[in-house]
N, C-alpha and C. Protein backbone atom coordinates (compact mmCIF):
# COMPACT_ATOMS: atom_id res chain seq x y z
N MET A 1 0.84 -1.18 0.00
CA MET A 1 0.00 0.00 0.00
C MET A 1 0.89 1.25 0.00
N ARG A 2 0.49 2.24 -0.74
CA ARG A 2 1.23 3.50 -0.78
C ARG A 2 0.32 4.61 -0.27
N ARG A 3 0.91 5.56 0.46
CA ARG A 3 0.16 6.70 1.00
C ARG A 3 0.87 7.99 0.60
N HIS A 4 0.12 9.05 0.55
CA HIS A 4 0.67 10.37 0.26
C HIS A 4 0.70 11.18 1.55
N PHE A 5 1.79 11.92 1.76
CA PHE A 5 1.92 12.77 2.93
C PHE A 5 2.35 14.16 2.48
N PRO A 6 1.82 15.21 3.13
CA PRO A 6 2.24 16.57 2.80
C PRO A 6 3.66 16.81 3.32
N ILE A 7 4.41 17.58 2.57
CA ILE A 7 5.79 17.91 2.94
C ILE A 7 5.96 19.42 2.83
N ILE A 8 6.57 20.02 3.83
CA ILE A 8 6.91 21.44 3.81
C ILE A 8 8.41 21.54 3.58
N ILE A 9 8.80 22.36 2.60
CA ILE A 9 10.22 22.51 2.25
C ILE A 9 10.62 23.96 2.48
N GLU A 10 11.72 24.14 3.20
CA GLU A 10 12.29 25.47 3.44
C GLU A 10 13.78 25.41 3.11
N GLN A 11 14.39 26.56 2.94
CA GLN A 11 15.83 26.62 2.73
C GLN A 11 16.41 27.63 3.70
N ASP A 12 17.44 27.21 4.45
CA ASP A 12 18.03 28.13 5.43
C ASP A 12 19.08 29.02 4.77
N SER A 13 19.67 29.90 5.55
CA SER A 13 20.62 30.88 5.01
C SER A 13 21.90 30.25 4.47
N ASP A 14 22.18 29.01 4.88
CA ASP A 14 23.36 28.30 4.38
C ASP A 14 23.05 27.49 3.13
N GLY A 15 21.80 27.52 2.66
CA GLY A 15 21.43 26.79 1.46
C GLY A 15 20.94 25.38 1.71
N VAL A 16 20.86 24.98 2.96
CA VAL A 16 20.40 23.62 3.31
C VAL A 16 18.87 23.58 3.22
N PHE A 17 18.35 22.52 2.62
CA PHE A 17 16.90 22.34 2.50
C PHE A 17 16.39 21.58 3.72
N ILE A 18 15.42 22.17 4.40
CA ILE A 18 14.81 21.59 5.59
C ILE A 18 13.42 21.13 5.21
N VAL A 19 13.09 19.88 5.50
CA VAL A 19 11.80 19.31 5.14
C VAL A 19 11.09 18.81 6.38
N GLU A 20 9.77 18.93 6.37
CA GLU A 20 8.96 18.52 7.52
C GLU A 20 7.69 17.86 7.01
N CYS A 21 7.26 16.81 7.70
CA CYS A 21 5.99 16.17 7.41
C CYS A 21 5.05 16.47 8.57
N PRO A 22 4.08 17.39 8.39
CA PRO A 22 3.22 17.79 9.50
C PRO A 22 2.25 16.70 9.98
N SER A 23 2.20 15.57 9.29
CA SER A 23 1.33 14.48 9.73
C SER A 23 1.87 13.79 10.98
N PHE A 24 3.17 14.00 11.25
CA PHE A 24 3.82 13.38 12.40
C PHE A 24 4.53 14.47 13.20
N ARG A 25 4.31 14.51 14.49
CA ARG A 25 4.97 15.49 15.35
C ARG A 25 6.49 15.24 15.35
N GLY A 26 7.25 16.27 15.01
CA GLY A 26 8.71 16.18 15.05
C GLY A 26 9.34 15.46 13.88
N CYS A 27 8.60 15.20 12.82
CA CYS A 27 9.14 14.49 11.66
C CYS A 27 9.79 15.49 10.72
N ARG A 28 11.11 15.66 10.89
CA ARG A 28 11.87 16.63 10.11
C ARG A 28 13.17 16.00 9.62
N SER A 29 13.69 16.55 8.55
CA SER A 29 15.00 16.13 8.06
C SER A 29 15.57 17.26 7.21
N TYR A 30 16.69 17.03 6.57
CA TYR A 30 17.31 18.06 5.76
C TYR A 30 18.21 17.42 4.71
N GLY A 31 18.70 18.25 3.79
CA GLY A 31 19.63 17.78 2.77
C GLY A 31 20.26 18.95 2.06
N ASP A 32 21.37 18.68 1.39
CA ASP A 32 22.07 19.72 0.64
C ASP A 32 21.37 20.04 -0.68
N SER A 33 20.48 19.15 -1.13
CA SER A 33 19.66 19.38 -2.31
C SER A 33 18.23 18.98 -1.97
N ILE A 34 17.27 19.43 -2.80
CA ILE A 34 15.89 19.03 -2.55
C ILE A 34 15.75 17.52 -2.67
N GLU A 35 16.42 16.93 -3.65
CA GLU A 35 16.34 15.47 -3.84
C GLU A 35 16.84 14.73 -2.60
N GLN A 36 17.98 15.17 -2.06
CA GLN A 36 18.53 14.54 -0.87
C GLN A 36 17.59 14.73 0.32
N ALA A 37 17.04 15.93 0.45
CA ALA A 37 16.12 16.21 1.55
C ALA A 37 14.87 15.33 1.44
N MET A 38 14.35 15.15 0.22
CA MET A 38 13.17 14.31 0.02
C MET A 38 13.47 12.85 0.32
N ASP A 39 14.63 12.36 -0.07
CA ASP A 39 15.02 10.99 0.28
C ASP A 39 15.09 10.83 1.80
N ASN A 40 15.66 11.85 2.46
CA ASN A 40 15.82 11.78 3.92
C ASN A 40 14.47 11.84 4.63
N ILE A 41 13.52 12.65 4.14
CA ILE A 41 12.22 12.73 4.81
C ILE A 41 11.44 11.44 4.58
N CYS A 42 11.66 10.77 3.45
CA CYS A 42 11.02 9.46 3.24
C CYS A 42 11.47 8.48 4.33
N GLU A 43 12.76 8.47 4.61
CA GLU A 43 13.28 7.60 5.67
C GLU A 43 12.70 7.99 7.03
N ALA A 44 12.58 9.30 7.28
CA ALA A 44 12.03 9.77 8.56
C ALA A 44 10.56 9.36 8.69
N ILE A 45 9.80 9.48 7.61
CA ILE A 45 8.38 9.07 7.65
C ILE A 45 8.27 7.58 7.90
N GLU A 46 9.11 6.78 7.23
CA GLU A 46 9.09 5.34 7.45
C GLU A 46 9.38 5.01 8.91
N ALA A 47 10.33 5.72 9.52
CA ALA A 47 10.65 5.51 10.93
C ALA A 47 9.46 5.91 11.81
N CYS A 48 8.81 7.01 11.49
CA CYS A 48 7.64 7.44 12.26
C CYS A 48 6.51 6.41 12.16
N LEU A 49 6.31 5.85 10.97
CA LEU A 49 5.26 4.85 10.78
C LEU A 49 5.56 3.57 11.56
N GLU A 50 6.84 3.19 11.63
CA GLU A 50 7.22 2.00 12.40
C GLU A 50 6.98 2.22 13.88
N GLU A 51 7.29 3.42 14.36
CA GLU A 51 7.16 3.74 15.77
C GLU A 51 5.70 3.90 16.18
N SER A 52 4.92 4.57 15.34
CA SER A 52 3.54 4.87 15.68
C SER A 52 2.69 4.92 14.42
N PRO A 53 2.17 3.77 13.97
CA PRO A 53 1.35 3.77 12.77
C PRO A 53 0.15 4.70 12.91
N LEU A 54 -0.22 5.33 11.80
CA LEU A 54 -1.38 6.22 11.83
C LEU A 54 -2.64 5.41 12.07
N THR A 55 -3.35 5.74 13.13
CA THR A 55 -4.61 5.05 13.41
C THR A 55 -5.79 5.87 12.92
N GLU A 56 -5.56 7.13 12.66
CA GLU A 56 -6.60 7.99 12.10
C GLU A 56 -5.97 8.87 11.05
N ASP A 57 -6.74 9.22 10.06
CA ASP A 57 -6.24 10.09 9.01
C ASP A 57 -6.17 11.53 9.51
N VAL A 58 -5.08 12.18 9.19
CA VAL A 58 -4.91 13.60 9.49
C VAL A 58 -5.09 14.34 8.17
N THR A 59 -5.91 15.34 8.17
CA THR A 59 -6.16 16.10 6.96
C THR A 59 -5.28 17.34 6.96
N PHE A 60 -4.40 17.42 6.00
CA PHE A 60 -3.53 18.58 5.85
C PHE A 60 -4.33 19.67 5.15
N ILE A 61 -4.44 20.82 5.76
CA ILE A 61 -5.24 21.90 5.22
C ILE A 61 -4.43 22.77 4.26
N GLY A 62 -3.19 23.08 4.62
CA GLY A 62 -2.37 23.89 3.74
C GLY A 62 -1.41 24.77 4.50
N VAL A 63 -0.72 25.60 3.75
CA VAL A 63 0.24 26.55 4.32
C VAL A 63 -0.22 27.94 3.92
N ARG A 64 -0.16 28.85 4.86
CA ARG A 64 -0.56 30.24 4.58
C ARG A 64 0.58 31.16 4.93
N ASP A 65 0.59 32.30 4.30
CA ASP A 65 1.55 33.35 4.57
C ASP A 65 0.90 34.37 5.47
N LEU A 66 1.58 34.76 6.53
CA LEU A 66 1.03 35.71 7.51
C LEU A 66 1.97 36.89 7.62
N GLU A 67 1.45 38.08 7.46
CA GLU A 67 2.25 39.30 7.59
C GLU A 67 2.14 39.82 9.00
N VAL A 68 3.27 40.08 9.65
CA VAL A 68 3.32 40.56 11.02
C VAL A 68 4.24 41.78 11.07
N SER A 69 3.82 42.82 11.75
CA SER A 69 4.67 44.01 11.90
C SER A 69 5.77 43.70 12.91
N VAL A 70 6.99 44.07 12.57
CA VAL A 70 8.12 43.89 13.47
C VAL A 70 8.81 45.22 13.65
N ALA A 71 9.40 45.41 14.79
CA ALA A 71 10.08 46.68 15.09
C ALA A 71 11.42 46.75 14.44
């Protein structure tokens, strides 16, 4: 069986790609390229599934941009 999971991708100031799967608390990884980061998050998701299989579906709603005034 194959499942789809949402992935959030960011890039830090050093150029490292940081990936997160919001379906699992603390499921994060990184890589020097997007491809490497995606391979690494696949391994992290597999580890999360082994530790705590999903017993209920989590619905990912999306990502929004929020503007906040800063001093």
